[in-house]
N, C-alpha and C. Protein backbone atom coordinates (compact mmCIF):
# COMPACT_ATOMS: atom_id res chain seq x y z
N MET A 1 99.74 120.27 179.18
CA MET A 1 99.31 121.46 178.46
C MET A 1 100.07 121.57 177.13
N ARG A 2 99.39 122.08 176.11
CA ARG A 2 99.99 122.21 174.78
C ARG A 2 100.32 123.67 174.49
N LEU A 3 101.53 123.89 174.01
CA LEU A 3 101.97 125.21 173.64
C LEU A 3 102.29 125.24 172.15
N LEU A 4 102.04 126.38 171.51
CA LEU A 4 102.42 126.58 170.12
C LEU A 4 103.43 127.71 170.06
N ILE A 5 104.58 127.46 169.44
CA ILE A 5 105.59 128.49 169.22
C ILE A 5 105.57 128.88 167.75
N VAL A 6 105.35 130.17 167.48
CA VAL A 6 105.37 130.69 166.11
C VAL A 6 106.56 131.65 166.04
N GLU A 7 107.66 131.17 165.48
CA GLU A 7 108.94 131.90 165.52
C GLU A 7 109.75 131.51 164.29
N ASP A 8 110.18 132.51 163.49
CA ASP A 8 110.90 132.19 162.26
C ASP A 8 112.39 131.98 162.47
N GLU A 9 112.95 132.35 163.62
CA GLU A 9 114.34 132.02 163.93
C GLU A 9 114.37 130.57 164.38
N LYS A 10 114.72 129.67 163.46
CA LYS A 10 114.54 128.24 163.71
C LYS A 10 115.36 127.74 164.89
N ARG A 11 116.59 128.21 165.03
CA ARG A 11 117.42 127.75 166.15
C ARG A 11 116.80 128.16 167.48
N LEU A 12 116.32 129.39 167.55
CA LEU A 12 115.67 129.85 168.77
C LEU A 12 114.41 129.06 169.06
N ALA A 13 113.59 128.87 168.02
CA ALA A 13 112.33 128.15 168.19
C ALA A 13 112.56 126.73 168.70
N LEU A 14 113.52 126.03 168.11
CA LEU A 14 113.78 124.65 168.51
C LEU A 14 114.41 124.58 169.89
N SER A 15 115.23 125.57 170.22
CA SER A 15 115.81 125.63 171.56
C SER A 15 114.73 125.83 172.61
N LEU A 16 113.80 126.75 172.34
CA LEU A 16 112.69 126.97 173.26
C LEU A 16 111.83 125.71 173.38
N ALA A 17 111.59 125.06 172.25
CA ALA A 17 110.75 123.85 172.26
C ALA A 17 111.38 122.76 173.12
N ARG A 18 112.70 122.57 172.99
CA ARG A 18 113.37 121.55 173.80
C ARG A 18 113.25 121.87 175.28
N GLY A 19 113.48 123.14 175.64
CA GLY A 19 113.40 123.52 177.04
C GLY A 19 112.00 123.35 177.61
N LEU A 20 111.00 123.79 176.85
CA LEU A 20 109.62 123.71 177.34
C LEU A 20 109.12 122.27 177.38
N THR A 21 109.61 121.44 176.45
CA THR A 21 109.26 120.02 176.50
C THR A 21 109.81 119.39 177.77
N ALA A 22 111.03 119.78 178.15
CA ALA A 22 111.62 119.28 179.39
C ALA A 22 110.84 119.74 180.62
N GLU A 23 110.12 120.86 180.49
CA GLU A 23 109.28 121.36 181.59
C GLU A 23 107.98 120.57 181.70
N GLY A 24 107.70 119.73 180.71
CA GLY A 24 106.50 118.90 180.76
C GLY A 24 105.39 119.31 179.82
N TYR A 25 105.65 120.31 178.97
CA TYR A 25 104.64 120.75 178.02
C TYR A 25 104.78 119.99 176.70
N ALA A 26 103.67 119.84 175.98
CA ALA A 26 103.72 119.38 174.60
C ALA A 26 103.85 120.63 173.74
N VAL A 27 104.82 120.64 172.84
CA VAL A 27 105.14 121.86 172.11
C VAL A 27 105.13 121.60 170.60
N ASP A 28 104.37 122.42 169.88
CA ASP A 28 104.41 122.42 168.42
C ASP A 28 105.11 123.69 167.97
N VAL A 29 105.84 123.61 166.87
CA VAL A 29 106.61 124.76 166.36
C VAL A 29 106.29 124.99 164.89
N VAL A 30 106.02 126.24 164.52
CA VAL A 30 105.91 126.63 163.12
C VAL A 30 106.71 127.91 162.93
N HIS A 31 107.09 128.19 161.68
CA HIS A 31 108.00 129.30 161.41
C HIS A 31 107.39 130.37 160.51
N ASP A 32 106.09 130.32 160.29
CA ASP A 32 105.42 131.22 159.36
C ASP A 32 104.12 131.72 159.98
N GLY A 33 103.80 133.00 159.80
CA GLY A 33 102.61 133.57 160.41
C GLY A 33 101.31 132.94 159.95
N LEU A 34 101.18 132.68 158.65
CA LEU A 34 99.96 132.08 158.14
C LEU A 34 99.76 130.67 158.69
N GLU A 35 100.85 129.91 158.72
CA GLU A 35 100.76 128.56 159.27
C GLU A 35 100.47 128.62 160.76
N GLY A 36 101.06 129.61 161.44
CA GLY A 36 100.80 129.78 162.87
C GLY A 36 99.34 130.06 163.13
N LEU A 37 98.73 130.92 162.32
CA LEU A 37 97.32 131.23 162.48
C LEU A 37 96.47 129.99 162.25
N HIS A 38 96.82 129.21 161.22
CA HIS A 38 96.09 127.99 160.93
C HIS A 38 96.20 127.00 162.09
N MET A 39 97.42 126.79 162.59
CA MET A 39 97.62 125.85 163.70
C MET A 39 96.88 126.30 164.95
N ALA A 40 96.99 127.60 165.28
CA ALA A 40 96.34 128.11 166.48
C ALA A 40 94.82 128.02 166.37
N SER A 41 94.30 128.20 165.16
CA SER A 41 92.85 128.15 164.95
C SER A 41 92.32 126.72 165.00
N GLU A 42 93.12 125.78 164.48
CA GLU A 42 92.66 124.40 164.37
C GLU A 42 93.01 123.56 165.59
N GLY A 43 94.11 123.92 166.29
CA GLY A 43 94.57 123.12 167.42
C GLY A 43 93.96 123.57 168.72
N SER A 44 94.13 122.74 169.74
CA SER A 44 93.63 123.07 171.08
C SER A 44 94.85 123.39 171.94
N TYR A 45 95.23 124.67 171.98
CA TYR A 45 96.44 125.08 172.70
C TYR A 45 96.09 125.84 173.97
N ASP A 46 96.94 125.69 174.96
CA ASP A 46 96.76 126.40 176.23
C ASP A 46 97.47 127.75 176.21
N LEU A 47 98.43 127.92 175.29
CA LEU A 47 99.15 129.19 175.19
C LEU A 47 99.90 129.23 173.87
N VAL A 48 100.04 130.44 173.30
CA VAL A 48 100.79 130.64 172.07
C VAL A 48 101.93 131.62 172.33
N VAL A 49 103.15 131.22 171.97
CA VAL A 49 104.30 132.12 171.98
C VAL A 49 104.46 132.61 170.55
N LEU A 50 104.28 133.92 170.34
CA LEU A 50 104.12 134.46 168.99
C LEU A 50 105.13 135.57 168.72
N ASP A 51 106.02 135.33 167.74
CA ASP A 51 106.96 136.37 167.32
C ASP A 51 106.20 137.42 166.49
N ILE A 52 106.67 138.65 166.49
CA ILE A 52 106.01 139.71 165.72
C ILE A 52 106.49 139.71 164.27
N MET A 53 107.81 139.66 164.06
CA MET A 53 108.35 139.72 162.70
C MET A 53 108.38 138.33 162.09
N LEU A 54 107.34 138.02 161.29
CA LEU A 54 107.19 136.69 160.70
C LEU A 54 106.93 136.79 159.21
N PRO A 55 107.38 135.80 158.44
CA PRO A 55 107.00 135.77 157.02
C PRO A 55 105.54 135.36 156.89
N GLY A 56 104.92 135.75 155.79
CA GLY A 56 103.54 135.36 155.52
C GLY A 56 102.52 136.28 156.16
N MET A 57 102.60 136.45 157.46
CA MET A 57 101.70 137.31 158.21
C MET A 57 102.37 137.66 159.52
N ASN A 58 102.45 138.95 159.86
CA ASN A 58 103.17 139.29 161.08
C ASN A 58 102.36 138.96 162.32
N GLY A 59 103.03 138.97 163.46
CA GLY A 59 102.41 138.55 164.71
C GLY A 59 101.23 139.40 165.12
N TYR A 60 101.30 140.72 164.84
CA TYR A 60 100.17 141.59 165.16
C TYR A 60 98.90 141.09 164.47
N ARG A 61 99.03 140.78 163.18
CA ARG A 61 97.86 140.36 162.40
C ARG A 61 97.37 138.98 162.83
N VAL A 62 98.31 138.09 163.15
CA VAL A 62 97.92 136.76 163.65
C VAL A 62 97.11 136.91 164.93
N CYS A 63 97.63 137.71 165.86
CA CYS A 63 96.96 137.92 167.13
C CYS A 63 95.58 138.54 166.92
N ALA A 64 95.53 139.58 166.10
CA ALA A 64 94.25 140.26 165.85
C ALA A 64 93.23 139.31 165.22
N ALA A 65 93.69 138.43 164.32
CA ALA A 65 92.78 137.49 163.66
C ALA A 65 92.22 136.47 164.65
N LEU A 66 93.07 136.00 165.56
CA LEU A 66 92.60 135.05 166.58
C LEU A 66 91.57 135.69 167.49
N ARG A 67 91.84 136.93 167.91
CA ARG A 67 90.89 137.61 168.80
C ARG A 67 89.58 137.92 168.07
N ALA A 68 89.67 138.29 166.79
CA ALA A 68 88.47 138.59 166.02
C ALA A 68 87.59 137.35 165.88
N ALA A 69 88.24 136.18 165.87
CA ALA A 69 87.50 134.91 165.75
C ALA A 69 86.98 134.42 167.10
N GLY A 70 87.23 135.18 168.18
CA GLY A 70 86.75 134.80 169.49
C GLY A 70 87.65 133.85 170.25
N ASP A 71 88.88 133.65 169.77
CA ASP A 71 89.83 132.75 170.43
C ASP A 71 90.52 133.51 171.56
N ASP A 72 90.35 133.03 172.81
CA ASP A 72 90.92 133.74 173.96
C ASP A 72 92.19 133.06 174.50
N VAL A 73 92.84 132.22 173.67
CA VAL A 73 94.07 131.56 174.11
C VAL A 73 95.09 132.62 174.55
N PRO A 74 95.77 132.41 175.68
CA PRO A 74 96.81 133.36 176.10
C PRO A 74 97.90 133.48 175.04
N ILE A 75 98.32 134.71 174.74
CA ILE A 75 99.35 134.95 173.73
C ILE A 75 100.48 135.76 174.35
N LEU A 76 101.69 135.19 174.28
CA LEU A 76 102.91 135.87 174.72
C LEU A 76 103.67 136.28 173.47
N MET A 77 103.81 137.58 173.24
CA MET A 77 104.47 138.08 172.03
C MET A 77 105.96 138.25 172.25
N LEU A 78 106.74 137.91 171.21
CA LEU A 78 108.18 138.09 171.22
C LEU A 78 108.56 139.06 170.10
N THR A 79 109.55 139.92 170.35
CA THR A 79 110.00 140.81 169.29
C THR A 79 111.43 141.27 169.54
N ALA A 80 112.13 141.55 168.46
CA ALA A 80 113.47 142.11 168.56
C ALA A 80 113.40 143.62 168.70
N LYS A 81 112.21 144.18 168.50
CA LYS A 81 112.03 145.62 168.65
C LYS A 81 112.04 146.00 170.12
N ASP A 82 112.10 147.29 170.37
CA ASP A 82 112.00 147.78 171.74
C ASP A 82 111.32 149.13 171.72
N GLY A 83 110.58 149.43 172.74
CA GLY A 83 109.91 150.73 172.79
C GLY A 83 108.46 150.61 173.17
N GLU A 84 107.93 151.64 173.81
CA GLU A 84 106.57 151.61 174.31
C GLU A 84 105.55 151.46 173.19
N TYR A 85 105.82 152.05 172.01
CA TYR A 85 104.84 151.98 170.92
C TYR A 85 104.61 150.54 170.49
N ASP A 86 105.70 149.78 170.34
CA ASP A 86 105.57 148.38 169.91
C ASP A 86 104.79 147.57 170.94
N GLU A 87 105.11 147.80 172.21
CA GLU A 87 104.41 147.07 173.27
C GLU A 87 102.93 147.42 173.24
N ALA A 88 102.62 148.70 173.10
CA ALA A 88 101.22 149.13 173.07
C ALA A 88 100.49 148.50 171.89
N GLU A 89 101.16 148.46 170.73
CA GLU A 89 100.52 147.89 169.55
C GLU A 89 100.24 146.41 169.75
N GLY A 90 101.22 145.71 170.33
CA GLY A 90 101.02 144.29 170.58
C GLY A 90 99.86 144.03 171.53
N LEU A 91 99.80 144.80 172.61
CA LEU A 91 98.73 144.62 173.58
C LEU A 91 97.38 145.06 173.02
N ASP A 92 97.40 146.08 172.16
CA ASP A 92 96.15 146.54 171.55
C ASP A 92 95.53 145.48 170.65
N THR A 93 96.34 144.64 170.06
CA THR A 93 95.80 143.59 169.19
C THR A 93 95.26 142.41 169.98
N GLY A 94 95.48 142.41 171.30
CA GLY A 94 94.92 141.36 172.14
C GLY A 94 95.93 140.44 172.78
N ALA A 95 97.23 140.75 172.66
CA ALA A 95 98.24 139.93 173.33
C ALA A 95 98.12 140.07 174.85
N ASP A 96 98.50 139.03 175.57
CA ASP A 96 98.40 139.04 177.03
C ASP A 96 99.69 139.49 177.69
N ASP A 97 100.81 139.29 177.02
CA ASP A 97 102.10 139.72 177.58
C ASP A 97 103.07 139.91 176.43
N TYR A 98 104.24 140.45 176.75
CA TYR A 98 105.16 140.95 175.73
C TYR A 98 106.58 140.77 176.25
N LEU A 99 107.47 140.20 175.45
CA LEU A 99 108.85 139.97 175.87
C LEU A 99 109.78 140.40 174.74
N THR A 100 110.76 141.25 175.07
CA THR A 100 111.68 141.78 174.07
C THR A 100 112.96 140.94 174.00
N LYS A 101 113.37 140.57 172.79
CA LYS A 101 114.63 139.86 172.58
C LYS A 101 115.81 140.82 172.74
N PRO A 102 116.95 140.31 173.22
CA PRO A 102 117.16 138.97 173.79
C PRO A 102 116.56 138.88 175.19
N PHE A 103 116.06 137.71 175.54
CA PHE A 103 115.43 137.54 176.84
C PHE A 103 116.01 136.30 177.53
N SER A 104 115.84 136.26 178.82
CA SER A 104 116.27 135.11 179.60
C SER A 104 115.24 133.99 179.46
N TYR A 105 115.71 132.77 179.24
CA TYR A 105 114.80 131.63 179.17
C TYR A 105 114.02 131.48 180.47
N VAL A 106 114.68 131.73 181.60
CA VAL A 106 114.02 131.63 182.90
C VAL A 106 112.85 132.61 182.98
N VAL A 107 113.06 133.82 182.46
CA VAL A 107 111.99 134.82 182.45
C VAL A 107 110.85 134.37 181.55
N LEU A 108 111.17 133.81 180.39
CA LEU A 108 110.14 133.31 179.49
C LEU A 108 109.26 132.27 180.19
N VAL A 109 109.89 131.30 180.84
CA VAL A 109 109.13 130.25 181.54
C VAL A 109 108.27 130.86 182.64
N ALA A 110 108.82 131.82 183.38
CA ALA A 110 108.05 132.47 184.44
C ALA A 110 106.83 133.19 183.87
N ARG A 111 107.01 133.87 182.72
CA ARG A 111 105.89 134.57 182.09
C ARG A 111 104.82 133.57 181.63
N ILE A 112 105.26 132.46 181.05
CA ILE A 112 104.32 131.43 180.60
C ILE A 112 103.52 130.88 181.77
N LYS A 113 104.20 130.56 182.86
CA LYS A 113 103.51 130.01 184.03
C LYS A 113 102.54 131.03 184.61
N ALA A 114 102.94 132.31 184.61
CA ALA A 114 102.05 133.36 185.13
C ALA A 114 100.78 133.47 184.29
N LEU A 115 100.93 133.40 182.96
CA LEU A 115 99.75 133.48 182.08
C LEU A 115 98.84 132.27 182.29
N LEU A 116 99.43 131.11 182.48
CA LEU A 116 98.62 129.91 182.70
C LEU A 116 97.91 129.97 184.05
N ARG A 117 98.58 130.53 185.07
CA ARG A 117 97.92 130.69 186.38
C ARG A 117 96.75 131.67 186.26
N ARG A 118 96.97 132.75 185.52
CA ARG A 118 95.90 133.73 185.33
C ARG A 118 94.70 133.08 184.64
N ARG A 119 94.98 132.26 183.65
CA ARG A 119 93.90 131.56 182.95
C ARG A 119 93.19 130.61 183.89
N ALA A 120 93.95 129.95 184.77
CA ALA A 120 93.34 129.03 185.73
C ALA A 120 92.39 129.77 186.67
N ARG A 121 92.82 130.95 187.12
CA ARG A 121 91.97 131.72 188.04
C ARG A 121 90.69 132.19 187.36
N SER A 122 90.75 132.37 186.04
CA SER A 122 89.55 132.82 185.31
C SER A 122 88.67 131.65 184.89
N GLY A 123 89.06 130.45 185.28
CA GLY A 123 88.23 129.28 185.00
C GLY A 123 88.66 128.51 183.77
N GLY A 124 89.75 128.91 183.13
CA GLY A 124 90.19 128.22 181.93
C GLY A 124 90.79 126.86 182.21
N SER A 125 91.52 126.70 183.29
CA SER A 125 92.15 125.43 183.63
C SER A 125 92.03 125.20 185.13
N PRO A 126 90.91 124.68 185.60
CA PRO A 126 90.69 124.53 187.04
C PRO A 126 91.50 123.40 187.63
N VAL A 127 91.49 123.35 188.96
CA VAL A 127 92.03 122.18 189.65
C VAL A 127 91.07 121.03 189.36
N LEU A 128 91.60 119.94 188.87
CA LEU A 128 90.78 118.79 188.49
C LEU A 128 90.68 117.83 189.67
N ALA A 129 89.48 117.48 190.09
CA ALA A 129 89.27 116.58 191.22
C ALA A 129 88.65 115.28 190.73
N VAL A 130 89.28 114.17 191.10
CA VAL A 130 88.76 112.85 190.77
C VAL A 130 88.81 112.04 192.06
N GLY A 131 87.68 111.94 192.71
CA GLY A 131 87.67 111.34 194.05
C GLY A 131 88.49 112.20 194.99
N ASP A 132 89.41 111.58 195.73
CA ASP A 132 90.27 112.36 196.63
C ASP A 132 91.56 112.81 195.95
N LEU A 133 91.63 112.63 194.63
CA LEU A 133 92.80 113.04 193.86
C LEU A 133 92.57 114.43 193.29
N ARG A 134 93.53 115.35 193.51
CA ARG A 134 93.42 116.71 192.98
C ARG A 134 94.62 117.00 192.10
N VAL A 135 94.35 117.41 190.87
CA VAL A 135 95.40 117.72 189.90
C VAL A 135 95.35 119.22 189.63
N ASP A 136 96.35 119.95 190.13
CA ASP A 136 96.42 121.39 189.96
C ASP A 136 97.18 121.68 188.67
N THR A 137 96.45 122.02 187.62
CA THR A 137 97.07 122.16 186.30
C THR A 137 97.91 123.42 186.17
N ALA A 138 97.66 124.42 187.02
CA ALA A 138 98.45 125.65 186.96
C ALA A 138 99.75 125.50 187.75
N ALA A 139 99.66 125.00 188.98
CA ALA A 139 100.85 124.81 189.81
C ALA A 139 101.59 123.52 189.46
N ARG A 140 100.92 122.64 188.68
CA ARG A 140 101.49 121.36 188.25
C ARG A 140 101.87 120.51 189.47
N ARG A 141 100.89 120.39 190.37
CA ARG A 141 101.06 119.59 191.59
C ARG A 141 99.87 118.64 191.72
N VAL A 142 100.13 117.50 192.36
CA VAL A 142 99.09 116.48 192.53
C VAL A 142 98.99 116.10 194.00
N PHE A 143 97.75 116.00 194.50
CA PHE A 143 97.52 115.63 195.88
C PHE A 143 96.53 114.47 195.95
N ARG A 144 96.81 113.52 196.84
CA ARG A 144 95.86 112.46 197.18
C ARG A 144 95.46 112.72 198.61
N ALA A 145 94.21 113.13 198.81
CA ALA A 145 93.76 113.63 200.11
C ALA A 145 94.67 114.80 200.49
N GLU A 146 95.40 114.70 201.61
CA GLU A 146 96.27 115.81 202.02
C GLU A 146 97.73 115.59 201.62
N ASP A 147 98.03 114.43 201.03
CA ASP A 147 99.41 114.10 200.71
C ASP A 147 99.76 114.49 199.28
N GLU A 148 100.88 115.20 199.11
CA GLU A 148 101.33 115.54 197.77
C GLU A 148 102.10 114.37 197.17
N ILE A 149 101.83 114.10 195.90
CA ILE A 149 102.48 113.01 195.19
C ILE A 149 103.48 113.61 194.19
N SER A 150 104.71 113.18 194.28
CA SER A 150 105.75 113.71 193.40
C SER A 150 105.72 112.97 192.06
N LEU A 151 105.54 113.75 190.98
CA LEU A 151 105.52 113.19 189.64
C LEU A 151 106.56 113.88 188.77
N THR A 152 107.08 113.16 187.79
CA THR A 152 107.93 113.78 186.80
C THR A 152 107.06 114.64 185.87
N ALA A 153 107.70 115.47 185.06
CA ALA A 153 106.94 116.34 184.16
C ALA A 153 106.07 115.54 183.20
N LYS A 154 106.62 114.47 182.64
CA LYS A 154 105.84 113.66 181.69
C LYS A 154 104.74 112.89 182.41
N GLU A 155 105.01 112.37 183.60
CA GLU A 155 103.97 111.67 184.35
C GLU A 155 102.80 112.61 184.62
N PHE A 156 103.13 113.85 185.01
CA PHE A 156 102.06 114.82 185.27
C PHE A 156 101.25 115.08 184.01
N ALA A 157 101.94 115.24 182.88
CA ALA A 157 101.25 115.54 181.63
C ALA A 157 100.31 114.41 181.22
N VAL A 158 100.74 113.16 181.40
CA VAL A 158 99.87 112.02 181.08
C VAL A 158 98.66 112.00 182.02
N LEU A 159 98.92 112.19 183.33
CA LEU A 159 97.83 112.20 184.29
C LEU A 159 96.84 113.32 183.99
N GLU A 160 97.36 114.48 183.61
CA GLU A 160 96.49 115.61 183.30
C GLU A 160 95.51 115.26 182.20
N GLN A 161 95.97 114.58 181.15
CA GLN A 161 95.08 114.22 180.05
C GLN A 161 94.00 113.24 180.50
N LEU A 162 94.35 112.35 181.41
CA LEU A 162 93.35 111.42 181.94
C LEU A 162 92.36 112.15 182.85
N ALA A 163 92.87 113.10 183.64
CA ALA A 163 92.01 113.83 184.59
C ALA A 163 91.04 114.75 183.88
N VAL A 164 91.49 115.37 182.79
CA VAL A 164 90.61 116.25 182.02
C VAL A 164 89.39 115.49 181.52
N ARG A 165 89.57 114.19 181.25
CA ARG A 165 88.48 113.35 180.73
C ARG A 165 88.16 112.23 181.72
N ALA A 166 88.20 112.55 183.00
CA ALA A 166 87.97 111.54 184.04
C ALA A 166 86.66 110.80 183.79
N GLY A 167 86.74 109.45 183.92
CA GLY A 167 85.57 108.62 183.69
C GLY A 167 85.38 108.22 182.25
N GLU A 168 86.11 108.88 181.34
CA GLU A 168 86.02 108.56 179.92
C GLU A 168 87.26 107.78 179.48
N VAL A 169 87.13 107.08 178.36
CA VAL A 169 88.27 106.36 177.81
C VAL A 169 89.12 107.33 177.00
N VAL A 170 90.42 107.35 177.31
CA VAL A 170 91.37 108.20 176.59
C VAL A 170 92.32 107.27 175.84
N SER A 171 92.41 107.43 174.53
CA SER A 171 93.23 106.52 173.72
C SER A 171 94.71 106.89 173.80
N LYS A 172 95.55 105.94 173.40
CA LYS A 172 96.99 106.23 173.33
C LYS A 172 97.26 107.37 172.35
N ALA A 173 96.53 107.39 171.24
CA ALA A 173 96.73 108.45 170.24
C ALA A 173 96.42 109.82 170.83
N GLN A 174 95.38 109.92 171.64
CA GLN A 174 95.04 111.20 172.27
C GLN A 174 96.12 111.64 173.24
N ILE A 175 96.65 110.69 174.01
CA ILE A 175 97.71 111.03 174.96
C ILE A 175 98.96 111.46 174.22
N LEU A 176 99.33 110.73 173.18
CA LEU A 176 100.51 111.09 172.40
C LEU A 176 100.37 112.49 171.81
N GLU A 177 99.20 112.80 171.29
CA GLU A 177 98.98 114.08 170.62
C GLU A 177 99.15 115.25 171.59
N HIS A 178 98.68 115.08 172.82
CA HIS A 178 98.69 116.19 173.77
C HIS A 178 99.93 116.23 174.65
N VAL A 179 100.54 115.09 174.90
CA VAL A 179 101.68 115.05 175.82
C VAL A 179 103.01 115.14 175.09
N TRP A 180 103.08 114.56 173.91
CA TRP A 180 104.27 114.70 173.09
C TRP A 180 103.95 115.77 172.05
N ASP A 181 104.07 115.54 170.79
CA ASP A 181 103.64 116.52 169.80
C ASP A 181 103.35 115.82 168.50
N PHE A 182 102.89 116.59 167.52
CA PHE A 182 102.44 115.98 166.26
C PHE A 182 103.58 115.31 165.50
N ALA A 183 104.83 115.68 165.79
CA ALA A 183 105.96 115.14 165.05
C ALA A 183 106.55 113.90 165.71
N TYR A 184 106.02 113.46 166.84
CA TYR A 184 106.58 112.30 167.55
C TYR A 184 106.41 111.04 166.72
N ASP A 185 107.53 110.35 166.47
CA ASP A 185 107.45 109.12 165.69
C ASP A 185 108.10 107.96 166.42
N GLY A 186 108.19 108.06 167.75
CA GLY A 186 108.75 106.98 168.55
C GLY A 186 107.74 105.89 168.82
N ASP A 187 108.07 105.00 169.72
CA ASP A 187 107.22 103.86 170.05
C ASP A 187 106.02 104.32 170.89
N PRO A 188 104.78 104.15 170.39
CA PRO A 188 103.61 104.58 171.17
C PRO A 188 103.45 103.82 172.48
N ASN A 189 104.13 102.66 172.59
CA ASN A 189 104.06 101.89 173.83
C ASN A 189 104.77 102.57 175.00
N ILE A 190 105.47 103.69 174.71
CA ILE A 190 106.07 104.47 175.80
C ILE A 190 105.00 104.89 176.81
N ILE A 191 103.77 105.04 176.34
CA ILE A 191 102.68 105.44 177.24
C ILE A 191 102.46 104.40 178.32
N GLU A 192 102.63 103.13 177.98
CA GLU A 192 102.44 102.07 178.96
C GLU A 192 103.42 102.20 180.12
N VAL A 193 104.63 102.68 179.82
CA VAL A 193 105.63 102.88 180.87
C VAL A 193 105.15 103.92 181.87
N TYR A 194 104.60 105.03 181.34
CA TYR A 194 104.13 106.10 182.23
C TYR A 194 102.85 105.70 182.97
N ILE A 195 101.98 104.95 182.34
CA ILE A 195 100.77 104.47 183.01
C ILE A 195 101.16 103.55 184.17
N SER A 196 102.12 102.67 183.93
CA SER A 196 102.59 101.76 184.98
C SER A 196 103.16 102.54 186.16
N SER A 197 103.95 103.58 185.86
CA SER A 197 104.54 104.39 186.92
C SER A 197 103.46 105.14 187.70
N LEU A 198 102.46 105.69 187.00
CA LEU A 198 101.37 106.39 187.67
C LEU A 198 100.57 105.44 188.56
N ARG A 199 100.38 104.22 188.11
CA ARG A 199 99.64 103.25 188.94
C ARG A 199 100.38 102.96 190.23
N ARG A 200 101.70 102.87 190.15
CA ARG A 200 102.48 102.63 191.36
C ARG A 200 102.34 103.78 192.35
N LYS A 201 102.30 105.00 191.84
CA LYS A 201 102.27 106.17 192.71
C LYS A 201 100.86 106.53 193.19
N LEU A 202 99.85 106.28 192.35
CA LEU A 202 98.49 106.68 192.68
C LEU A 202 97.63 105.55 193.21
N GLY A 203 98.04 104.32 192.93
CA GLY A 203 97.22 103.16 193.26
C GLY A 203 96.66 102.58 191.97
N ALA A 204 96.94 101.31 191.75
CA ALA A 204 96.59 100.67 190.48
C ALA A 204 95.12 100.79 190.10
N PRO A 205 94.15 100.67 191.05
CA PRO A 205 92.73 100.70 190.64
C PRO A 205 92.29 102.03 190.03
N ARG A 206 93.07 103.09 190.22
CA ARG A 206 92.63 104.41 189.73
C ARG A 206 92.69 104.51 188.21
N ILE A 207 93.57 103.77 187.57
CA ILE A 207 93.71 103.85 186.12
C ILE A 207 93.35 102.49 185.52
N GLN A 208 92.21 102.45 184.87
CA GLN A 208 91.73 101.21 184.28
C GLN A 208 92.18 101.10 182.83
N THR A 209 92.51 99.89 182.41
CA THR A 209 92.81 99.63 180.99
C THR A 209 91.54 99.16 180.31
N VAL A 210 91.17 99.82 179.23
CA VAL A 210 90.04 99.38 178.42
C VAL A 210 90.64 98.76 177.16
N ARG A 211 90.64 97.46 177.12
CA ARG A 211 91.38 96.73 176.10
C ARG A 211 91.00 97.19 174.68
N GLY A 212 92.04 97.52 173.92
CA GLY A 212 91.84 97.94 172.54
C GLY A 212 91.35 99.36 172.38
N ALA A 213 91.15 100.08 173.51
CA ALA A 213 90.61 101.44 173.40
C ALA A 213 91.48 102.48 174.09
N GLY A 214 91.99 102.15 175.29
CA GLY A 214 92.82 103.13 175.99
C GLY A 214 92.73 102.99 177.49
N TYR A 215 92.70 104.13 178.19
CA TYR A 215 92.73 104.11 179.65
C TYR A 215 91.65 105.04 180.20
N ARG A 216 91.22 104.73 181.44
CA ARG A 216 90.18 105.52 182.10
C ARG A 216 90.62 105.81 183.53
N LEU A 217 90.59 107.10 183.93
CA LEU A 217 90.89 107.48 185.30
C LEU A 217 89.59 107.51 186.10
N VAL A 218 89.59 106.79 187.23
CA VAL A 218 88.38 106.72 188.07
C VAL A 218 88.75 107.15 189.49
N ALA A 219 87.74 107.29 190.32
CA ALA A 219 87.95 107.80 191.69
C ALA A 219 88.79 106.85 192.54
N GLY A 220 88.75 105.58 192.24
CA GLY A 220 89.52 104.63 193.07
C GLY A 220 88.77 104.29 194.33
N ARG A 221 89.47 103.57 195.19
CA ARG A 221 88.83 103.12 196.44
C ARG A 221 89.67 103.58 197.62
């Protein structure tokens, strides 16, 4: 799943990005409201963490603009303010939840997971079934028939991208874009390491290599 953090406190934003990346999410970070609106409008995100006090355009206006455009991406608002009026204003613009600084990172992650589960129940991110393989994108669990398969956060994220497009060819570039982030400049062959690991755990026939194009997840045998 891809998250967008729009936060002008750069140290906080990068700290959150590191933590959420370790949780298995692909995270993009911007520090300006206008850029945040552009990224959220153009990108395919599963959730936006949005600060209220931003240069360029404040979080209220960013949220309102996204909702006016019909974008229903879950939005978790952050603010240094406190008080019922601020919370009401944030929710009135279409935010899904609200967290006041300073906050616990554990609470932030719990709120994010709760919003993603809510979206899953509403049909936004269903359990993906490919043959007897089930990928629960909200609980981040994988089952083969009745047996649960233990995956690392990155393994799950790679598998999720293949499962979303089951039967189709998914390129390395597509996996990099969704599992890492737009700023990743490491070796793209890192994907081969995760594909190899997934084949060991799921069964090699389930992930086919399409030479020169990418990988395809199939039902297997």
